[in-house]
C-alpha atoms as a PDB file:
ATOM      1  CA  MET A   1      -7.304   1.824  -9.129  1.00  0.00           C
ATOM      2  CA  HIS A   2     -10.049   1.121  -6.609  1.00  0.00           C
ATOM      3  CA  LEU A   3     -10.354   0.000  -3.034  1.00  0.00           C
ATOM      4  CA  ILE A   4     -13.087  -2.095  -1.463  1.00  0.00           C
ATOM      5  CA  VAL A   5     -13.727  -1.423   2.218  1.00  0.00           C
ATOM      6  CA  ILE A   6     -15.463  -3.669   4.727  1.00  0.00           C
ATOM      7  CA  ARG A   7     -16.573  -2.076   7.975  1.00  0.00           C
ATOM      8  CA  ASN A   8     -14.744  -3.490  11.001  1.00  0.00           C
ATOM      9  CA  ASP A   9     -17.960  -4.542  12.725  1.00  0.00           C
ATOM     10  CA  ILE A  10     -18.983  -6.587   9.671  1.00  0.00           C
ATOM     11  CA  TYR A  11     -15.527  -8.157   9.312  1.00  0.00           C
ATOM     12  CA  GLU A  12     -15.366  -9.021  13.022  1.00  0.00           C
ATOM     13  CA  ARG A  13     -18.757 -10.768  12.896  1.00  0.00           C
ATOM     14  CA  HIS A  14     -18.194 -12.428   9.508  1.00  0.00           C
ATOM     15  CA  PRO A  15     -14.457 -12.608   8.662  1.00  0.00           C
ATOM     16  CA  PHE A  16     -15.177 -14.901   5.704  1.00  0.00           C
ATOM     17  CA  VAL A  17     -16.709 -11.899   3.906  1.00  0.00           C
ATOM     18  CA  ALA A  18     -13.241 -10.573   3.037  1.00  0.00           C
ATOM     19  CA  THR A  19     -12.197 -13.835   1.407  1.00  0.00           C
ATOM     20  CA  ILE A  20     -15.469 -14.258  -0.463  1.00  0.00           C
ATOM     21  CA  LEU A  21     -15.349 -10.696  -1.811  1.00  0.00           C
ATOM     22  CA  TYR A  22     -11.725 -11.069  -2.874  1.00  0.00           C
ATOM     23  CA  GLU A  23     -12.437 -14.359  -4.662  1.00  0.00           C
ATOM     24  CA  ALA A  24     -15.531 -12.899  -6.335  1.00  0.00           C
ATOM     25  CA  PHE A  25     -13.626  -9.885  -7.647  1.00  0.00           C
ATOM     26  CA  CYS A  26     -10.795 -12.120  -8.911  1.00  0.00           C
ATOM     27  CA  ALA A  27     -13.318 -14.347 -10.718  1.00  0.00           C
ATOM     28  CA  ALA A  28     -15.085 -11.324 -12.211  1.00  0.00           C
ATOM     29  CA  LYS A  29     -11.794  -9.896 -13.462  1.00  0.00           C
ATOM     30  CA  ASP A  30     -10.820 -13.245 -15.017  1.00  0.00           C
ATOM     31  CA  ARG A  31     -14.202 -13.525 -16.716  1.00  0.00           C
ATOM     32  CA  ALA A  32     -14.012  -9.970 -18.054  1.00  0.00           C
ATOM     33  CA  ARG A  33     -10.546 -10.608 -19.486  1.00  0.00           C
ATOM     34  CA  GLU A  34     -11.744 -13.817 -21.148  1.00  0.00           C
ATOM     35  CA  LYS A  35     -14.635 -11.948 -22.760  1.00  0.00           C
ATOM     36  CA  MET A  36     -12.357  -9.129 -23.814  1.00  0.00           C
ATOM     37  CA  LYS A  37      -9.984 -11.602 -25.487  1.00  0.00           C
ATOM     38  CA  TYR A  38     -12.729 -13.398 -27.419  1.00  0.00           C
ATOM     39  CA  SER A  39     -12.069 -12.520 -31.051  1.00  0.00           C
ATOM     40  CA  GLY A  40     -15.199 -14.013 -32.638  1.00  0.00           C
ATOM     41  CA  THR A  41     -17.058 -10.759 -32.198  1.00  0.00           C
ATOM     42  CA  LEU A  42     -15.221  -7.990 -30.395  1.00  0.00           C
ATOM     43  CA  ARG A  43     -16.850  -7.036 -27.107  1.00  0.00           C
ATOM     44  CA  TYR A  44     -15.709  -3.436 -27.495  1.00  0.00           C
ATOM     45  CA  MET A  45     -15.643  -1.292 -30.605  1.00  0.00           C
ATOM     46  CA  LEU A  46     -11.859  -1.083 -30.821  1.00  0.00           C
ATOM     47  CA  PRO A  47     -10.515  -2.831 -33.910  1.00  0.00           C
ATOM     48  CA  TRP A  48      -6.998  -2.904 -32.435  1.00  0.00           C
ATOM     49  CA  LEU A  49      -8.116  -4.400 -29.098  1.00  0.00           C
ATOM     50  CA  PRO A  50      -6.618  -7.900 -29.623  1.00  0.00           C
ATOM     51  CA  ALA A  51      -3.198  -6.387 -30.373  1.00  0.00           C
ATOM     52  CA  ASP A  52      -3.474  -4.073 -27.342  1.00  0.00           C
ATOM     53  CA  ILE A  53      -4.360  -6.999 -25.080  1.00  0.00           C
ATOM     54  CA  GLU A  54      -1.351  -8.980 -26.334  1.00  0.00           C
ATOM     55  CA  GLU A  55       0.906  -5.973 -25.718  1.00  0.00           C
ATOM     56  CA  LEU A  56      -0.490  -5.446 -22.204  1.00  0.00           C
ATOM     57  CA  ASP A  57      -0.085  -9.140 -21.373  1.00  0.00           C
ATOM     58  CA  ALA A  58       3.538  -9.069 -22.525  1.00  0.00           C
ATOM     59  CA  LEU A  59       4.300  -5.842 -20.665  1.00  0.00           C
ATOM     60  CA  PHE A  60       2.572  -6.732 -17.387  1.00  0.00           C
ATOM     61  CA  GLY A  61       2.993 -10.503 -17.317  1.00  0.00           C
ATOM     62  CA  GLY A  62      -0.658 -11.225 -18.089  1.00  0.00           C
ATOM     63  CA  ASP A  63      -2.241  -9.052 -15.392  1.00  0.00           C
ATOM     64  CA  CYS A  64      -2.069  -5.276 -15.632  1.00  0.00           C
ATOM     65  CA  TRP A  65      -4.327  -4.866 -12.580  1.00  0.00           C
ATOM     66  CA  PRO A  66      -3.009  -7.327  -9.980  1.00  0.00           C
ATOM     67  CA  TYR A  67      -5.030  -7.871  -6.813  1.00  0.00           C
ATOM     68  CA  GLY A  68      -3.628  -8.532  -3.362  1.00  0.00           C
ATOM     69  CA  ILE A  69      -0.953  -7.067  -1.122  1.00  0.00           C
ATOM     70  CA  GLU A  70       2.257  -8.604  -2.473  1.00  0.00           C
ATOM     71  CA  PRO A  71       1.923  -7.654  -6.143  1.00  0.00           C
ATOM     72  CA  ASN A  72       1.011  -4.126  -5.050  1.00  0.00           C
ATOM     73  CA  ARG A  73       3.413  -3.764  -2.108  1.00  0.00           C
ATOM     74  CA  PRO A  74       5.730  -1.142  -3.723  1.00  0.00           C
ATOM     75  CA  THR A  75       2.765   1.078  -4.603  1.00  0.00           C
ATOM     76  CA  LEU A  76       1.102   0.623  -1.209  1.00  0.00           C
ATOM     77  CA  GLU A  77       4.324   1.370   0.661  1.00  0.00           C
ATOM     78  CA  ALA A  78       4.867   4.507  -1.441  1.00  0.00           C
ATOM     79  CA  LEU A  79       1.295   5.617  -0.713  1.00  0.00           C
ATOM     80  CA  VAL A  80       1.734   5.192   3.045  1.00  0.00           C
ATOM     81  CA  ARG A  81       5.121   6.947   2.951  1.00  0.00           C
ATOM     82  CA  TYR A  82       3.694   9.904   0.980  1.00  0.00           C
ATOM     83  CA  MET A  83       0.720  10.167   3.322  1.00  0.00           C
ATOM     84  CA  ALA A  84       3.059  10.346   6.339  1.00  0.00           C
ATOM     85  CA  GLU A  85       5.297  12.889   4.616  1.00  0.00           C
ATOM     86  CA  GLN A  86       2.386  15.077   3.530  1.00  0.00           C
ATOM     87  CA  GLY A  87       0.411  14.943   6.770  1.00  0.00           C
ATOM     88  CA  PRO A  88      -2.795  12.915   6.365  1.00  0.00           C
ATOM     89  CA  ILE A  89      -1.308  10.329   8.772  1.00  0.00           C
ATOM     90  CA  GLN A  90       1.213  10.921  11.570  1.00  0.00           C
ATOM     91  CA  GLN A  91       3.506   8.002  10.770  1.00  0.00           C
ATOM     92  CA  PRO A  92       3.686   5.148   8.268  1.00  0.00           C
ATOM     93  CA  ILE A  93       1.369   2.231   8.989  1.00  0.00           C
ATOM     94  CA  PRO A  94       2.536  -1.321   8.248  1.00  0.00           C
ATOM     95  CA  ILE A  95       0.750  -2.510   5.095  1.00  0.00           C
ATOM     96  CA  GLU A  96      -0.427  -5.710   6.815  1.00  0.00           C
ATOM     97  CA  GLN A  97      -2.421  -3.591   9.301  1.00  0.00           C
ATOM     98  CA  LEU A  98      -4.394  -1.968   6.486  1.00  0.00           C
ATOM     99  CA  PHE A  99      -5.923  -5.154   5.097  1.00  0.00           C
ATOM    100  CA  ALA A 100      -7.777  -8.189   6.342  1.00  0.00           C
ATOM    101  CA  PRO A 101      -5.226 -10.792   7.526  1.00  0.00           C
ATOM    102  CA  THR A 102      -6.554 -13.379   5.079  1.00  0.00           C
ATOM    103  CA  PHE A 103      -4.700 -11.583   2.265  1.00  0.00           C
ATOM    104  CA  GLY A 104      -1.107 -11.809   3.554  1.00  0.00           C
END
């Protein structure tokens, strides 16, 4: 759904920034899902939310918004292929070249 970008000059000076950001976003997503699943008092005004969460977990294996290259590889490869076919880029770029190497 979204993409976080780190400028090359920042990444080159502080490569740990990519890992720290990735870990922070993963922790935030986990925390948000925990809060969303808490049934004591619903966090959102959707009375069917617990049933929807159970359905989403069953359908997507517990994570409907996976982070990282591998769980998103088919989508990323399709995106690069479409971009090459439609002209925004001249030729497909290997997925590994698009992301910080710490996320292989």
